[in-house]
Amino acid sequence: MKRRVARVAGLHEDIAAAESDAQVARLLADLLRSDKFPRWLIAGALDTLVAEASASLLELSGGQFELTHDKGDFLVVDHNEADARRPVKTLSGGETFQASLALALALSSQLGAMAAEGATKLESIFLDEGFGTLDEATLDVVASTLENLAASGSRMVGVITHVPALAERVPVRFLVTRDGTGSHIAREGA
């Protein structure tokens, strides 16, 4: 009798293990379908991108903002407003710049991570963000963000601008002028 009970118990364990294996196989088969596998890969890449951008935005915004996403929409978590989640569309101009920069940095990092071994790494970023449309306060936030990024030493940041107030805050500048003989480049600053 004890052997039969032990054998039945063993069979129940075998059935449970087989059902678990079957469930994993069904899940994998579903994920590997040609219409679902790319979506699964993209969702994972987006999660990684947003997590890295969120860490950068938290630093760039002095601890105020983090990024998240929900059903394809980017949201910010505003720590100064009791961790309220709101659409990124509600950010000010300077805050939008910080969020965009955080995403650009994360994307450049992810592209570098996905590159083949020995491939060129993206160690610089150039920004031509339409700085002329920013008000004075927002321009100050943008300039401070760029200064903090440059001070971290993680990336070389190039700024293309016609805004003198921003250009003055960049330690090394290349002034491009044009006359009848062509374009000329002069280095200014450190």
N, C-alpha and C. Protein backbone atom coordinates (compact mmCIF):
# COMPACT_ATOMS: atom_id res chain seq x y z
N MET A 1 0.81 -1.19 0.00
CA MET A 1 0.00 0.00 0.00
C MET A 1 0.86 1.26 0.00
N LYS A 2 1.93 1.28 0.83
CA LYS A 2 2.79 2.45 0.90
C LYS A 2 3.48 2.71 -0.44
N ARG A 3 3.83 1.61 -1.14
CA ARG A 3 4.45 1.76 -2.45
C ARG A 3 3.50 2.41 -3.44
N ARG A 4 2.26 2.01 -3.39
CA ARG A 4 1.25 2.58 -4.30
C ARG A 4 1.06 4.06 -4.02
N VAL A 5 0.99 4.44 -2.75
CA VAL A 5 0.82 5.85 -2.36
C VAL A 5 2.04 6.65 -2.83
N ALA A 6 3.23 6.08 -2.62
CA ALA A 6 4.46 6.77 -3.04
C ALA A 6 4.51 6.89 -4.55
N ARG A 7 4.07 5.83 -5.22
CA ARG A 7 4.07 5.86 -6.68
C ARG A 7 3.08 6.89 -7.19
N VAL A 8 1.89 6.96 -6.61
CA VAL A 8 0.88 7.96 -7.00
C VAL A 8 1.41 9.36 -6.74
N ALA A 9 2.07 9.56 -5.59
CA ALA A 9 2.64 10.86 -5.27
C ALA A 9 3.71 11.23 -6.30
N GLY A 10 4.53 10.27 -6.67
CA GLY A 10 5.56 10.50 -7.70
C GLY A 10 4.95 10.86 -9.03
N LEU A 11 3.86 10.16 -9.38
CA LEU A 11 3.17 10.46 -10.64
C LEU A 11 2.57 11.87 -10.61
N HIS A 12 2.02 12.27 -9.49
CA HIS A 12 1.48 13.64 -9.36
C HIS A 12 2.60 14.68 -9.55
N GLU A 13 3.77 14.40 -8.99
CA GLU A 13 4.91 15.30 -9.16
C GLU A 13 5.33 15.35 -10.62
N ASP A 14 5.36 14.19 -11.27
CA ASP A 14 5.72 14.15 -12.69
C ASP A 14 4.71 14.93 -13.53
N ILE A 15 3.44 14.79 -13.22
CA ILE A 15 2.38 15.51 -13.95
C ILE A 15 2.54 17.02 -13.75
N ALA A 16 2.80 17.44 -12.51
CA ALA A 16 2.98 18.87 -12.22
C ALA A 16 4.19 19.43 -12.98
N ALA A 17 5.30 18.67 -13.01
CA ALA A 17 6.49 19.11 -13.73
C ALA A 17 6.21 19.19 -15.23
N ALA A 18 5.49 18.19 -15.76
CA ALA A 18 5.16 18.19 -17.19
C ALA A 18 4.24 19.35 -17.53
N GLU A 19 3.28 19.65 -16.67
CA GLU A 19 2.38 20.79 -16.91
C GLU A 19 3.15 22.11 -16.88
N SER A 20 4.11 22.22 -15.96
CA SER A 20 4.94 23.42 -15.89
C SER A 20 5.78 23.57 -17.16
N ASP A 21 6.38 22.47 -17.60
CA ASP A 21 7.17 22.50 -18.83
C ASP A 21 6.30 22.86 -20.03
N ALA A 22 5.09 22.32 -20.06
CA ALA A 22 4.17 22.61 -21.17
C ALA A 22 3.78 24.09 -21.17
N GLN A 23 3.58 24.65 -19.98
CA GLN A 23 3.22 26.07 -19.89
C GLN A 23 4.37 26.94 -20.42
N VAL A 24 5.60 26.61 -20.04
CA VAL A 24 6.77 27.36 -20.54
C VAL A 24 6.87 27.21 -22.06
N ALA A 25 6.67 26.02 -22.56
CA ALA A 25 6.74 25.78 -24.00
C ALA A 25 5.67 26.58 -24.74
N ARG A 26 4.45 26.63 -24.19
CA ARG A 26 3.38 27.42 -24.83
C ARG A 26 3.74 28.91 -24.83
N LEU A 27 4.27 29.40 -23.71
CA LEU A 27 4.67 30.80 -23.62
C LEU A 27 5.75 31.13 -24.63
N LEU A 28 6.78 30.28 -24.71
CA LEU A 28 7.84 30.49 -25.68
C LEU A 28 7.32 30.41 -27.11
N ALA A 29 6.48 29.45 -27.39
CA ALA A 29 5.92 29.32 -28.73
C ALA A 29 5.12 30.57 -29.09
N ASP A 30 4.39 31.10 -28.12
CA ASP A 30 3.60 32.32 -28.37
C ASP A 30 4.52 33.51 -28.61
N LEU A 31 5.57 33.66 -27.79
CA LEU A 31 6.49 34.79 -27.93
C LEU A 31 7.31 34.71 -29.21
N LEU A 32 7.63 33.50 -29.64
CA LEU A 32 8.47 33.35 -30.82
C LEU A 32 7.69 33.37 -32.14
N ARG A 33 6.40 33.55 -32.06
CA ARG A 33 5.62 33.69 -33.30
C ARG A 33 6.13 34.92 -34.04
N SER A 34 6.11 34.88 -35.35
CA SER A 34 6.69 35.95 -36.15
C SER A 34 6.05 37.31 -35.88
N ASP A 35 4.79 37.34 -35.44
CA ASP A 35 4.16 38.63 -35.19
C ASP A 35 4.37 39.12 -33.76
N LYS A 36 4.82 38.27 -32.85
CA LYS A 36 4.98 38.68 -31.45
C LYS A 36 6.43 38.87 -31.03
N PHE A 37 7.34 38.11 -31.61
CA PHE A 37 8.73 38.18 -31.20
C PHE A 37 9.31 39.59 -31.36
N PRO A 38 9.12 40.26 -32.51
CA PRO A 38 9.65 41.62 -32.63
C PRO A 38 9.05 42.57 -31.57
N ARG A 39 7.78 42.42 -31.28
CA ARG A 39 7.16 43.28 -30.25
C ARG A 39 7.79 43.04 -28.89
N TRP A 40 8.07 41.77 -28.59
CA TRP A 40 8.69 41.44 -27.31
C TRP A 40 10.09 42.05 -27.22
N LEU A 41 10.86 41.94 -28.32
CA LEU A 41 12.20 42.54 -28.34
C LEU A 41 12.14 44.05 -28.18
N ILE A 42 11.21 44.68 -28.88
CA ILE A 42 11.07 46.14 -28.81
C ILE A 42 10.66 46.57 -27.42
N ALA A 43 9.74 45.84 -26.81
CA ALA A 43 9.31 46.19 -25.45
C ALA A 43 10.48 46.11 -24.48
N GLY A 44 11.30 45.10 -24.61
CA GLY A 44 12.48 44.96 -23.75
C GLY A 44 13.48 46.08 -23.99
N ALA A 45 13.70 46.42 -25.24
CA ALA A 45 14.63 47.52 -25.57
C ALA A 45 14.10 48.85 -25.04
N LEU A 46 12.79 49.07 -25.15
CA LEU A 46 12.20 50.30 -24.65
C LEU A 46 12.32 50.38 -23.13
N ASP A 47 12.09 49.27 -22.45
CA ASP A 47 12.24 49.26 -20.99
C ASP A 47 13.67 49.63 -20.59
N THR A 48 14.65 49.07 -21.29
CA THR A 48 16.05 49.35 -21.00
C THR A 48 16.37 50.81 -21.28
N LEU A 49 15.91 51.31 -22.42
CA LEU A 49 16.14 52.71 -22.80
C LEU A 49 15.54 53.66 -21.78
N VAL A 50 14.31 53.43 -21.39
CA VAL A 50 13.62 54.31 -20.43
C VAL A 50 14.29 54.24 -19.06
N ALA A 51 14.72 53.07 -18.64
CA ALA A 51 15.39 52.96 -17.34
C ALA A 51 16.68 53.76 -17.31
N GLU A 52 17.47 53.66 -18.37
CA GLU A 52 18.73 54.42 -18.43
C GLU A 52 18.46 55.92 -18.56
N ALA A 53 17.50 56.30 -19.40
CA ALA A 53 17.15 57.72 -19.55
C ALA A 53 16.61 58.28 -18.24
N SER A 54 15.87 57.48 -17.53
CA SER A 54 15.30 57.91 -16.25
C SER A 54 16.40 58.24 -15.25
N ALA A 55 17.42 57.39 -15.20
CA ALA A 55 18.55 57.64 -14.29
C ALA A 55 19.26 58.93 -14.67
N SER A 56 19.44 59.17 -15.97
CA SER A 56 20.08 60.41 -16.43
C SER A 56 19.21 61.62 -16.12
N LEU A 57 17.91 61.50 -16.36
CA LEU A 57 17.01 62.63 -16.10
C LEU A 57 16.96 62.96 -14.62
N LEU A 58 16.99 61.95 -13.78
CA LEU A 58 17.00 62.18 -12.34
C LEU A 58 18.21 63.03 -11.96
N GLU A 59 19.35 62.70 -12.53
CA GLU A 59 20.58 63.45 -12.25
C GLU A 59 20.51 64.85 -12.87
N LEU A 60 20.09 64.94 -14.14
CA LEU A 60 20.05 66.23 -14.83
C LEU A 60 19.06 67.20 -14.19
N SER A 61 17.98 66.67 -13.65
CA SER A 61 16.94 67.53 -13.08
C SER A 61 17.13 67.76 -11.59
N GLY A 62 18.28 67.40 -11.06
CA GLY A 62 18.54 67.61 -9.65
C GLY A 62 17.62 66.79 -8.75
N GLY A 63 17.22 65.61 -9.22
CA GLY A 63 16.39 64.72 -8.42
C GLY A 63 14.89 64.94 -8.55
N GLN A 64 14.47 65.83 -9.44
CA GLN A 64 13.04 66.12 -9.54
C GLN A 64 12.28 65.12 -10.41
N PHE A 65 12.86 64.71 -11.54
CA PHE A 65 12.11 63.91 -12.50
C PHE A 65 12.74 62.55 -12.78
N GLU A 66 11.87 61.59 -13.05
CA GLU A 66 12.26 60.31 -13.63
C GLU A 66 11.32 60.06 -14.80
N LEU A 67 11.73 59.20 -15.71
CA LEU A 67 10.90 58.83 -16.86
C LEU A 67 10.32 57.44 -16.65
N THR A 68 9.16 57.24 -17.22
CA THR A 68 8.55 55.91 -17.30
C THR A 68 7.73 55.90 -18.58
N HIS A 69 7.13 54.78 -18.87
CA HIS A 69 6.24 54.72 -20.05
C HIS A 69 5.08 53.79 -19.76
N ASP A 70 4.00 54.05 -20.45
CA ASP A 70 2.80 53.24 -20.30
C ASP A 70 2.08 53.18 -21.65
N LYS A 71 2.00 51.99 -22.21
CA LYS A 71 1.30 51.76 -23.48
C LYS A 71 1.78 52.71 -24.57
N GLY A 72 3.09 52.88 -24.66
CA GLY A 72 3.67 53.69 -25.73
C GLY A 72 3.76 55.17 -25.44
N ASP A 73 3.26 55.63 -24.31
CA ASP A 73 3.33 57.04 -23.95
C ASP A 73 4.40 57.24 -22.88
N PHE A 74 5.25 58.26 -23.09
CA PHE A 74 6.24 58.61 -22.08
C PHE A 74 5.58 59.46 -21.01
N LEU A 75 5.95 59.17 -19.77
CA LEU A 75 5.45 59.91 -18.62
C LEU A 75 6.63 60.33 -17.76
N VAL A 76 6.45 61.42 -17.00
CA VAL A 76 7.44 61.79 -16.01
C VAL A 76 6.87 61.53 -14.63
N VAL A 77 7.75 61.14 -13.73
CA VAL A 77 7.41 61.02 -12.32
C VAL A 77 8.02 62.26 -11.68
N ASP A 78 7.16 63.13 -11.16
CA ASP A 78 7.60 64.40 -10.58
C ASP A 78 7.72 64.24 -9.07
N HIS A 79 8.95 64.11 -8.59
CA HIS A 79 9.19 63.89 -7.16
C HIS A 79 8.88 65.14 -6.33
N ASN A 80 8.84 66.31 -6.96
CA ASN A 80 8.48 67.53 -6.23
C ASN A 80 6.96 67.67 -6.08
N GLU A 81 6.22 66.82 -6.75
CA GLU A 81 4.75 66.84 -6.69
C GLU A 81 4.23 65.49 -6.21
N ALA A 82 4.80 64.98 -5.13
CA ALA A 82 4.36 63.73 -4.50
C ALA A 82 4.40 62.55 -5.48
N ASP A 83 5.44 62.50 -6.31
CA ASP A 83 5.65 61.42 -7.27
C ASP A 83 4.50 61.28 -8.27
N ALA A 84 3.87 62.41 -8.59
CA ALA A 84 2.78 62.40 -9.57
C ALA A 84 3.33 61.99 -10.94
N ARG A 85 2.56 61.17 -11.63
CA ARG A 85 2.90 60.76 -13.01
C ARG A 85 2.08 61.62 -13.95
N ARG A 86 2.78 62.20 -14.92
CA ARG A 86 2.07 63.04 -15.88
C ARG A 86 2.74 62.95 -17.25
N PRO A 87 1.99 63.29 -18.30
CA PRO A 87 2.57 63.21 -19.65
C PRO A 87 3.77 64.15 -19.79
N VAL A 88 4.74 63.75 -20.60
CA VAL A 88 5.90 64.60 -20.82
C VAL A 88 5.51 65.91 -21.50
N LYS A 89 4.35 65.94 -22.13
CA LYS A 89 3.87 67.16 -22.80
C LYS A 89 3.67 68.30 -21.80
N THR A 90 3.56 67.98 -20.52
CA THR A 90 3.31 69.00 -19.51
C THR A 90 4.60 69.64 -18.99
N LEU A 91 5.76 69.17 -19.47
CA LEU A 91 7.03 69.74 -19.03
C LEU A 91 7.27 71.11 -19.64
N SER A 92 8.02 71.94 -18.94
CA SER A 92 8.40 73.25 -19.48
C SER A 92 9.45 73.05 -20.56
N GLY A 93 9.85 74.11 -21.22
CA GLY A 93 10.85 74.02 -22.28
C GLY A 93 12.17 73.46 -21.79
N GLY A 94 12.67 73.96 -20.67
CA GLY A 94 13.94 73.47 -20.13
C GLY A 94 13.83 72.03 -19.65
N GLU A 95 12.70 71.70 -19.05
CA GLU A 95 12.49 70.33 -18.58
C GLU A 95 12.38 69.37 -19.76
N THR A 96 11.73 69.81 -20.83
CA THR A 96 11.62 68.99 -22.04
C THR A 96 13.00 68.76 -22.63
N PHE A 97 13.82 69.80 -22.61
CA PHE A 97 15.19 69.66 -23.09
C PHE A 97 15.93 68.61 -22.28
N GLN A 98 15.80 68.66 -20.96
CA GLN A 98 16.48 67.69 -20.11
C GLN A 98 16.00 66.27 -20.41
N ALA A 99 14.70 66.09 -20.57
CA ALA A 99 14.15 64.76 -20.87
C ALA A 99 14.64 64.28 -22.24
N SER A 100 14.65 65.16 -23.23
CA SER A 100 15.13 64.80 -24.57
C SER A 100 16.61 64.44 -24.53
N LEU A 101 17.39 65.22 -23.79
CA LEU A 101 18.81 64.95 -23.68
C LEU A 101 19.04 63.60 -22.98
N ALA A 102 18.29 63.33 -21.94
CA ALA A 102 18.41 62.05 -21.23
C ALA A 102 18.11 60.88 -22.17
N LEU A 103 17.07 61.02 -22.98
CA LEU A 103 16.73 59.97 -23.94
C LEU A 103 17.82 59.82 -25.00
N ALA A 104 18.35 60.95 -25.48
CA ALA A 104 19.40 60.90 -26.50
C ALA A 104 20.66 60.23 -25.94
N LEU A 105 21.01 60.55 -24.71
CA LEU A 105 22.19 59.93 -24.09
C LEU A 105 21.98 58.43 -23.90
N ALA A 106 20.78 58.05 -23.45
CA ALA A 106 20.49 56.63 -23.27
C ALA A 106 20.51 55.90 -24.61
N LEU A 107 19.96 56.52 -25.63
CA LEU A 107 19.95 55.90 -26.95
C LEU A 107 21.37 55.73 -27.47
N SER A 108 22.21 56.75 -27.31
CA SER A 108 23.59 56.62 -27.79
C SER A 108 24.32 55.53 -27.01
N SER A 109 24.04 55.42 -25.73
CA SER A 109 24.66 54.38 -24.91
C SER A 109 24.19 53.00 -25.36
N GLN A 110 22.90 52.86 -25.60
CA GLN A 110 22.35 51.57 -26.03
C GLN A 110 22.87 51.17 -27.40
N LEU A 111 23.00 52.13 -28.30
CA LEU A 111 23.56 51.82 -29.61
C LEU A 111 24.98 51.33 -29.48
N GLY A 112 25.74 51.96 -28.59
CA GLY A 112 27.11 51.51 -28.35
C GLY A 112 27.15 50.11 -27.77
N ALA A 113 26.22 49.81 -26.87
CA ALA A 113 26.17 48.49 -26.26
C ALA A 113 25.78 47.41 -27.28
N MET A 114 24.96 47.79 -28.27
CA MET A 114 24.52 46.82 -29.27
C MET A 114 25.53 46.65 -30.40
N ALA A 115 26.51 47.56 -30.49
CA ALA A 115 27.48 47.51 -31.58
C ALA A 115 28.37 46.28 -31.43
N ALA A 116 28.86 45.85 -32.54
CA ALA A 116 29.77 44.70 -32.54
C ALA A 116 31.05 45.06 -31.81
N GLU A 117 31.70 44.06 -31.28
CA GLU A 117 32.96 44.29 -30.56
C GLU A 117 33.96 44.95 -31.49
N GLY A 118 34.61 46.00 -30.98
CA GLY A 118 35.59 46.72 -31.78
C GLY A 118 34.99 47.84 -32.60
N ALA A 119 33.66 47.97 -32.59
CA ALA A 119 33.03 49.04 -33.36
C ALA A 119 33.26 50.38 -32.66
N THR A 120 33.13 51.44 -33.42
CA THR A 120 33.30 52.78 -32.88
C THR A 120 32.22 53.07 -31.86
N LYS A 121 32.61 53.67 -30.75
CA LYS A 121 31.67 54.02 -29.69
C LYS A 121 31.23 55.47 -29.88
N LEU A 122 30.01 55.76 -29.44
CA LEU A 122 29.49 57.12 -29.50
C LEU A 122 29.87 57.85 -28.21
N GLU A 123 30.94 58.62 -28.27
CA GLU A 123 31.41 59.32 -27.09
C GLU A 123 31.14 60.81 -27.15
N SER A 124 30.43 61.24 -28.16
CA SER A 124 30.11 62.65 -28.28
C SER A 124 28.68 62.80 -28.79
N ILE A 125 28.14 63.95 -28.50
CA ILE A 125 26.79 64.26 -28.96
C ILE A 125 26.75 65.72 -29.34
N PHE A 126 26.10 66.03 -30.46
CA PHE A 126 25.96 67.41 -30.91
C PHE A 126 24.49 67.79 -30.82
N LEU A 127 24.25 68.96 -30.27
CA LEU A 127 22.88 69.43 -30.07
C LEU A 127 22.63 70.68 -30.89
N ASP A 128 21.60 70.64 -31.69
CA ASP A 128 21.12 71.80 -32.42
C ASP A 128 19.63 71.84 -32.15
N GLU A 129 19.28 72.36 -30.99
CA GLU A 129 17.94 72.19 -30.43
C GLU A 129 17.01 73.38 -30.68
N GLY A 130 17.43 74.38 -31.44
CA GLY A 130 16.58 75.55 -31.60
C GLY A 130 16.58 76.41 -30.35
N PHE A 131 17.77 76.66 -29.82
CA PHE A 131 17.90 77.38 -28.55
C PHE A 131 17.33 78.79 -28.62
N GLY A 132 17.22 79.36 -29.80
CA GLY A 132 16.73 80.73 -29.96
C GLY A 132 15.28 80.89 -29.53
N THR A 133 14.54 79.81 -29.42
CA THR A 133 13.13 79.89 -29.03
C THR A 133 12.93 79.85 -27.52
N LEU A 134 14.02 79.64 -26.76
CA LEU A 134 13.90 79.49 -25.33
C LEU A 134 13.95 80.84 -24.62
N ASP A 135 13.14 80.98 -23.56
CA ASP A 135 13.21 82.21 -22.76
C ASP A 135 14.47 82.17 -21.90
N GLU A 136 14.77 83.29 -21.23
CA GLU A 136 16.02 83.42 -20.49
C GLU A 136 16.16 82.37 -19.38
N ALA A 137 15.09 82.13 -18.64
CA ALA A 137 15.14 81.16 -17.53
C ALA A 137 15.37 79.75 -18.07
N THR A 138 14.68 79.40 -19.14
CA THR A 138 14.83 78.07 -19.72
C THR A 138 16.22 77.91 -20.32
N LEU A 139 16.71 78.96 -20.94
CA LEU A 139 18.06 78.92 -21.50
C LEU A 139 19.09 78.69 -20.40
N ASP A 140 18.87 79.27 -19.23
CA ASP A 140 19.76 79.06 -18.10
C ASP A 140 19.72 77.60 -17.64
N VAL A 141 18.53 77.00 -17.60
CA VAL A 141 18.40 75.58 -17.23
C VAL A 141 19.15 74.71 -18.23
N VAL A 142 18.98 75.02 -19.52
CA VAL A 142 19.65 74.25 -20.58
C VAL A 142 21.16 74.38 -20.44
N ALA A 143 21.65 75.60 -20.26
CA ALA A 143 23.10 75.81 -20.14
C ALA A 143 23.65 75.09 -18.91
N SER A 144 22.94 75.16 -17.80
CA SER A 144 23.38 74.47 -16.58
C SER A 144 23.40 72.97 -16.80
N THR A 145 22.40 72.44 -17.48
CA THR A 145 22.35 71.01 -17.78
C THR A 145 23.56 70.60 -18.61
N LEU A 146 23.88 71.37 -19.63
CA LEU A 146 25.02 71.06 -20.48
C LEU A 146 26.34 71.17 -19.72
N GLU A 147 26.44 72.16 -18.84
CA GLU A 147 27.66 72.31 -18.03
C GLU A 147 27.83 71.11 -17.10
N ASN A 148 26.73 70.66 -16.49
CA ASN A 148 26.80 69.50 -15.60
C ASN A 148 27.19 68.24 -16.37
N LEU A 149 26.65 68.11 -17.56
CA LEU A 149 26.97 66.94 -18.39
C LEU A 149 28.44 66.97 -18.78
N ALA A 150 28.93 68.13 -19.19
CA ALA A 150 30.34 68.25 -19.57
C ALA A 150 31.24 67.98 -18.37
N ALA A 151 30.83 68.43 -17.19
CA ALA A 151 31.64 68.23 -15.98
C ALA A 151 31.73 66.76 -15.61
N SER A 152 30.71 65.98 -15.95
CA SER A 152 30.73 64.55 -15.61
C SER A 152 31.79 63.80 -16.41
N GLY A 153 32.18 64.35 -17.56
CA GLY A 153 33.21 63.74 -18.38
C GLY A 153 32.78 62.50 -19.13
N SER A 154 31.50 62.16 -19.10
CA SER A 154 31.05 60.94 -19.75
C SER A 154 30.89 61.10 -21.26
N ARG A 155 30.67 62.30 -21.73
CA ARG A 155 30.48 62.56 -23.15
C ARG A 155 31.04 63.94 -23.50
N MET A 156 31.50 64.06 -24.73
CA MET A 156 31.80 65.38 -25.25
C MET A 156 30.50 65.92 -25.84
N VAL A 157 30.15 67.13 -25.46
CA VAL A 157 28.90 67.71 -25.93
C VAL A 157 29.22 68.90 -26.82
N GLY A 158 28.76 68.85 -28.05
CA GLY A 158 28.90 69.99 -28.96
C GLY A 158 27.55 70.67 -29.09
N VAL A 159 27.57 71.99 -29.09
CA VAL A 159 26.34 72.77 -29.17
C VAL A 159 26.42 73.66 -30.40
N ILE A 160 25.42 73.58 -31.23
CA ILE A 160 25.32 74.45 -32.40
C ILE A 160 24.28 75.50 -32.06
N THR A 161 24.72 76.75 -31.96
CA THR A 161 23.79 77.79 -31.53
C THR A 161 24.14 79.15 -32.13
N HIS A 162 23.10 79.97 -32.26
CA HIS A 162 23.25 81.37 -32.65
C HIS A 162 22.94 82.27 -31.46
N VAL A 163 22.71 81.67 -30.30
CA VAL A 163 22.32 82.42 -29.11
C VAL A 163 23.58 82.81 -28.34
N PRO A 164 23.93 84.11 -28.32
CA PRO A 164 25.16 84.53 -27.65
C PRO A 164 25.22 84.15 -26.16
N ALA A 165 24.10 84.23 -25.45
CA ALA A 165 24.10 83.93 -24.01
C ALA A 165 24.48 82.47 -23.76
N LEU A 166 24.09 81.58 -24.63
CA LEU A 166 24.46 80.17 -24.49
C LEU A 166 25.91 79.96 -24.93
N ALA A 167 26.28 80.56 -26.05
CA ALA A 167 27.64 80.40 -26.57
C ALA A 167 28.68 80.88 -25.56
N GLU A 168 28.39 81.93 -24.82
CA GLU A 168 29.33 82.48 -23.84
C GLU A 168 29.60 81.49 -22.71
N ARG A 169 28.67 80.60 -22.44
CA ARG A 169 28.84 79.64 -21.34
C ARG A 169 29.57 78.37 -21.76
N VAL A 170 29.85 78.25 -23.04
CA VAL A 170 30.58 77.09 -23.55
C VAL A 170 32.07 77.41 -23.47
N PRO A 171 32.86 76.58 -22.77
CA PRO A 171 34.27 76.93 -22.54
C PRO A 171 35.13 76.96 -23.81
N VAL A 172 34.89 76.08 -24.75
CA VAL A 172 35.63 76.07 -26.01
C VAL A 172 34.63 76.23 -27.13
N ARG A 173 34.85 77.27 -27.94
CA ARG A 173 33.90 77.57 -29.02
C ARG A 173 34.64 77.63 -30.35
N PHE A 174 33.95 77.25 -31.38
CA PHE A 174 34.44 77.42 -32.74
C PHE A 174 33.46 78.35 -33.43
N LEU A 175 33.94 79.54 -33.74
CA LEU A 175 33.10 80.56 -34.37
C LEU A 175 33.23 80.40 -35.88
N VAL A 176 32.10 80.19 -36.53
CA VAL A 176 32.08 80.03 -37.98
C VAL A 176 31.54 81.32 -38.58
N THR A 177 32.34 81.94 -39.45
CA THR A 177 31.91 83.16 -40.15
C THR A 177 32.02 82.93 -41.65
N ARG A 178 31.30 83.72 -42.36
CA ARG A 178 31.30 83.58 -43.80
C ARG A 178 31.46 84.96 -44.42
N ASP A 179 32.28 85.03 -45.45
CA ASP A 179 32.42 86.27 -46.21
C ASP A 179 32.50 85.92 -47.69
N GLY A 180 32.88 86.86 -48.49
CA GLY A 180 32.93 86.65 -49.94
C GLY A 180 33.93 85.60 -50.38
N THR A 181 34.91 85.30 -49.55
CA THR A 181 35.92 84.29 -49.93
C THR A 181 35.59 82.90 -49.42
N GLY A 182 34.56 82.78 -48.58
CA GLY A 182 34.19 81.46 -48.07
C GLY A 182 33.91 81.48 -46.58
N SER A 183 33.88 80.30 -45.98
CA SER A 183 33.64 80.16 -44.56
C SER A 183 34.96 80.06 -43.82
N HIS A 184 34.98 80.60 -42.60
CA HIS A 184 36.19 80.60 -41.79
C HIS A 184 35.85 80.13 -40.39
N ILE A 185 36.74 79.38 -39.79
CA ILE A 185 36.53 78.85 -38.43
C ILE A 185 37.63 79.37 -37.53
N ALA A 186 37.22 79.91 -36.38
CA ALA A 186 38.17 80.39 -35.39
C ALA A 186 37.83 79.79 -34.04
N ARG A 187 38.86 79.32 -33.34
CA ARG A 187 38.66 78.74 -32.01
C ARG A 187 38.72 79.85 -30.97
N GLU A 188 37.79 79.80 -30.02
CA GLU A 188 37.75 80.77 -28.94
C GLU A 188 37.67 80.01 -27.62
N GLY A 189 38.17 80.59 -26.56
CA GLY A 189 38.09 79.98 -25.25
C GLY A 189 39.26 79.08 -24.96
N ALA A 190 39.10 78.27 -23.92
CA ALA A 190 40.20 77.43 -23.40
C ALA A 190 40.82 76.66 -24.47
